[in-house]
Amino acid sequence: ASSSGEGERAMSHRKFERPRHGSLGFAPRKRTKHRFGKIKSFPKDDASKAPHFTAFMSYKAGMSHIVRDVDRPGSKLHKKEVAESVSIVETPPMVVVGFVGYVETPRGLRALTSVWAGHLSEEVK
């Protein structure tokens, strides 16, 4: 067998032949088990104000792009058009069906009681 490489292909590394598809930090790539999102942080509560919404559920529905004029004096791009990526956030209508009362304990807030609405429309049920 000749080692001149006639008829043989030069071997390459797998890194170049078939690179990874996506980060392993996001494995396994499959649909989530959680049907709904979760609000992870709330603003500080001000007891002097009346009860009010402190958070609103929304979902990232996708991404798109826009073309806009840059208004940044001194920049190379001033008064020029640039394409930028944008997130599309979907915020479905929310209906209040009840609220939860909390009590402060040495280990933090604990749910004391839940109060549900007495009369709900058919679309909520």
Foldseek 3Di string as FASTA:
>chain_A
DDPPQVVHDDDDDCCVVPNDDDDPVCPPPDDDPDPADDDDDWDDDDVVDDDDDGDAGKDFPAKDKDWDQDCDPPDPRHRHIDIDMDTDIGGDDDDDFWDWDWDQDPVGIDTDDIDGDPDDDPVVD
